[in-house]
Amino acid sequence: MGKVKVTSKNNQVKVQIRSSNGEQLNQNMAAYLSSVNVEGFLPFYIVTNSEGFTAEYGAAGFETAKDFFKNRVIDQNTFYNFIDSSVKALSGMSAYNMEYGNVLVSLDTVLVESRTGRAMYLYYPVYGYNNGNFFNTFLGDVVSNMTTPSATDVSYIERLNDMLRHPDSMSWDTLKEYADSVKVIIPNVPQMHPASYSEPVITPVQPINSGNAGKTCPVCGTYNALADAVFCSNCGNRLNLDDINVSIVETEYKTCPACGFVNSPDSVFCAGCGIKMDEYKMPEDKQETDEKKEIQNTSILIKNGRVVDPVSGTDEVIDVFIKNNVIEEIGHDINAADFNSEESDNIKIINADGMIVAPGLVDTHVHFRDPGFTYKEDIITGASAAARGGFTTVVCMANTKPVVDNVETLRYIQEKGETTGIHVMQTATVTKELNGTELVDMEALADAGAAGFTDDGIPIMDEHVLVTAMKKAVELDLPISLHEEDPEFIIRPGVNQGKVSDQLGYGGASATAEDVMVARDCMLALNTGASVCIQHISSGNSVELVRLAKKLGADIHAEATPHHFTLTEDAVLKYGTNARMNPPLRTENDREKIIEGIKDGTIDMIVTDHAPHSEEEKAKPLENAPSGITGLETSLALGIKSLVEPGHISLMKLIELMSKNPAEFYRMVPGSITKGASADIVIFGEKDLWTVNREDFASKACNSPFIGWELPGKVHYTICSGKIIYQA
């Protein structure tokens, strides 16, 4: 698919277009824009796709459209005329077939995002479908294409029908409440067909002047100074798009506590989401207590905690003093009174008596789903989940949408990660679009800060491509991580091929699928000298292969997940889709061999493979549900329960596997509780029991088989760069 950007002469209208014939489309759109006077309008977004909207974008398309349409106002006539031109241009192109393509063309698109972050998307087309007979034809197609469990409930469909048939009576609160209860995502937007498409009537453009265009509310008469206001700041009424006045005013701002929209200072209702700002109460789980707000303190004194640090080898009860983001001092009997009065007043004292004080955990295998799948997770919520689990550093996988095969996407994630409070590192893909055949510009991505390279989620089947990538990675001194599952040995993914798959008639994924890939790639690593990680190892035979490769001198590493050393294939019978994952849970013998690999150092790292999915997706039948579970908030606890408490490894070894080793593999300086080190610290109670409750998750998702489990190792504080980012 080609990708072009078109900007009008005065830079007021910007359109990003994707098409199989980008050059011709660019010419058509540019010619139209040059003939139209468009002023004072914010950017809008048009998606074209000759293979169908869903095939190219899926849920990512909805997220992209939401970002572009949110809180934006465009003159209807200009927009409609532009769409007329778009449709004409596209229908005349041989590369674009109106029978199989579709165009997202509607200013009337309603995108509703609820306060809880759940969203639904309702589409109002401008043209097409029996001369605009939307409700009888288009709506029927929409409902028939909704695949979420909630959408199959007749009452939900009837309610949606009724709401759409009476759009003028829909209140913002009604839509938000409906979104909260249903969380509808329409996965298949119906196609436009020539038989039902009618030539639109061209309406003359009625441009408005550029400037700070405000809007007068038709209900109460209040002038709303902000050009992108959607709701009246005085009465909360939805403002009509044609009630636009032009005025240049000096504006101060009032930020909405619910959605963050910037309002004028005398606003009562938010112009972005419609809530009454002074009466809005943040949900309890999002509120900060006065104690938690003390994270702004510049100094922290941790008293009486047992420091367990695999870097320095320290394992003793000792005090830790943090100042200006680093560990200023460690020692016995450090007291706030030792400092001058002004400084001591700003010291946050944490009594860690009976708790473990360790370097912040490092998870080098997480999926934050951002960009592209932020209805599952995003960088902000993923970082919050990490902080709650004791992690101060994460390395994100690159199978987002778009995938991280270019510097632009890499920088987007890096910049967003800088706002989270933890260290968010990002890998890049090995091959473009995860196609397994064409290498990315590894050098450019490395220069831009990629932590390493991985096509995680998909194996690289072409050994010549992989060898070339390994050799380049050696030049760049960066690691490559590999997802090892040969599809030739997989009948159906997510469940081990064995007794449980036989019982369910499922087919399953053979352990051989992993073993043959691990054997090949261990030898390729040995041959090239590349630093290679075998991701989320699940097969006992694969553990043996890695052990052999290490003895032969390969720079080979392996990671294991808590679910693979805690559960077996039998969990599928109990937990259903929340025990479906790639690679799958295997036999008790495989689990025991993974633990042996952890004990003897064959397996270097414990990672989560944090893979959030929506409840609707995981509610599908086993064969249709996505694979993966969340893991950041339960990983430390499961390590203690499954490895430390049974005596397989020491707590020191667990911290090494979850902090020091993964950091070193990705070329980071490992965290340490030593003077001068960066103050990245987790404080937890090794014996403190807690229950995994779905309502407590900081992640957007709660697809975990461990819900309801009582686990040891409650995290009490997470400190990153000297700031408390989580407090239980």
Foldseek 3Di string as FASTA:
>chain_A
DDWDWEAAPVRAEIEIEDFPPVVLLNVLLHVVRPVDDAAAFHYAYKYKYQQADLVQFFLLVVVVRCVRLALGAGDPQVLVQSVLSNVVSQVPDPRHPQARMAMQRDNPWDWAAALVRQTETDHQDPWWDQGRPCLPPQLVVQLVQFDFPLSVDVVLSVVVSVCVVCVVPDDLVNRNVNRVVRSTYRRHRDGGDPVGTDNDDRDDDDHDHHEQKWFAAPPPRDIFRHPSFQAAQEPLHGGDSPRIDDDHDDFDWDAAPRPRQTGGPPGQAGSRRSHRRVPDDDPPLPDDDPLQVLLPQQKEKEAQAQEQELVVRGGGGWIWIGGQQFTADIGHPDDLVVDDPVNSVRYHYHHQHQWYKYFFFEFAAEAQQPPRRCLFHHLQLVLLLLFQLRHQEYEHEQVHVVGQLDLVRLVVSCVVNVPRQGHYAYAHEQAHSLPLPHGGPVVVNVVSRHLAYESPPDFNPDVVSVLVSQLVCVVSVHAYEGQQFACVQAPAAFAEPDDVCVVVVNRYGYLVRRLVRLLVVLVSQVVNVGQYEYEADQFLNSLVSLVVSVVVPGNYAYEHELCSLPDANVVCVVQPQLQGAVHHGHDPVSNVSVLVSLLVVSHQAYHHNADGDAPSQSPDHRRRHDHDHGGSNCGVQSCLVRDPVVPSDHPSSNSRRGWVRVCVNSVHHTAGSDRPGRPWIWMWNQADKDAADQVNRSTSGHSHSRHGPITGIRTAFTHGSSGTPDGD
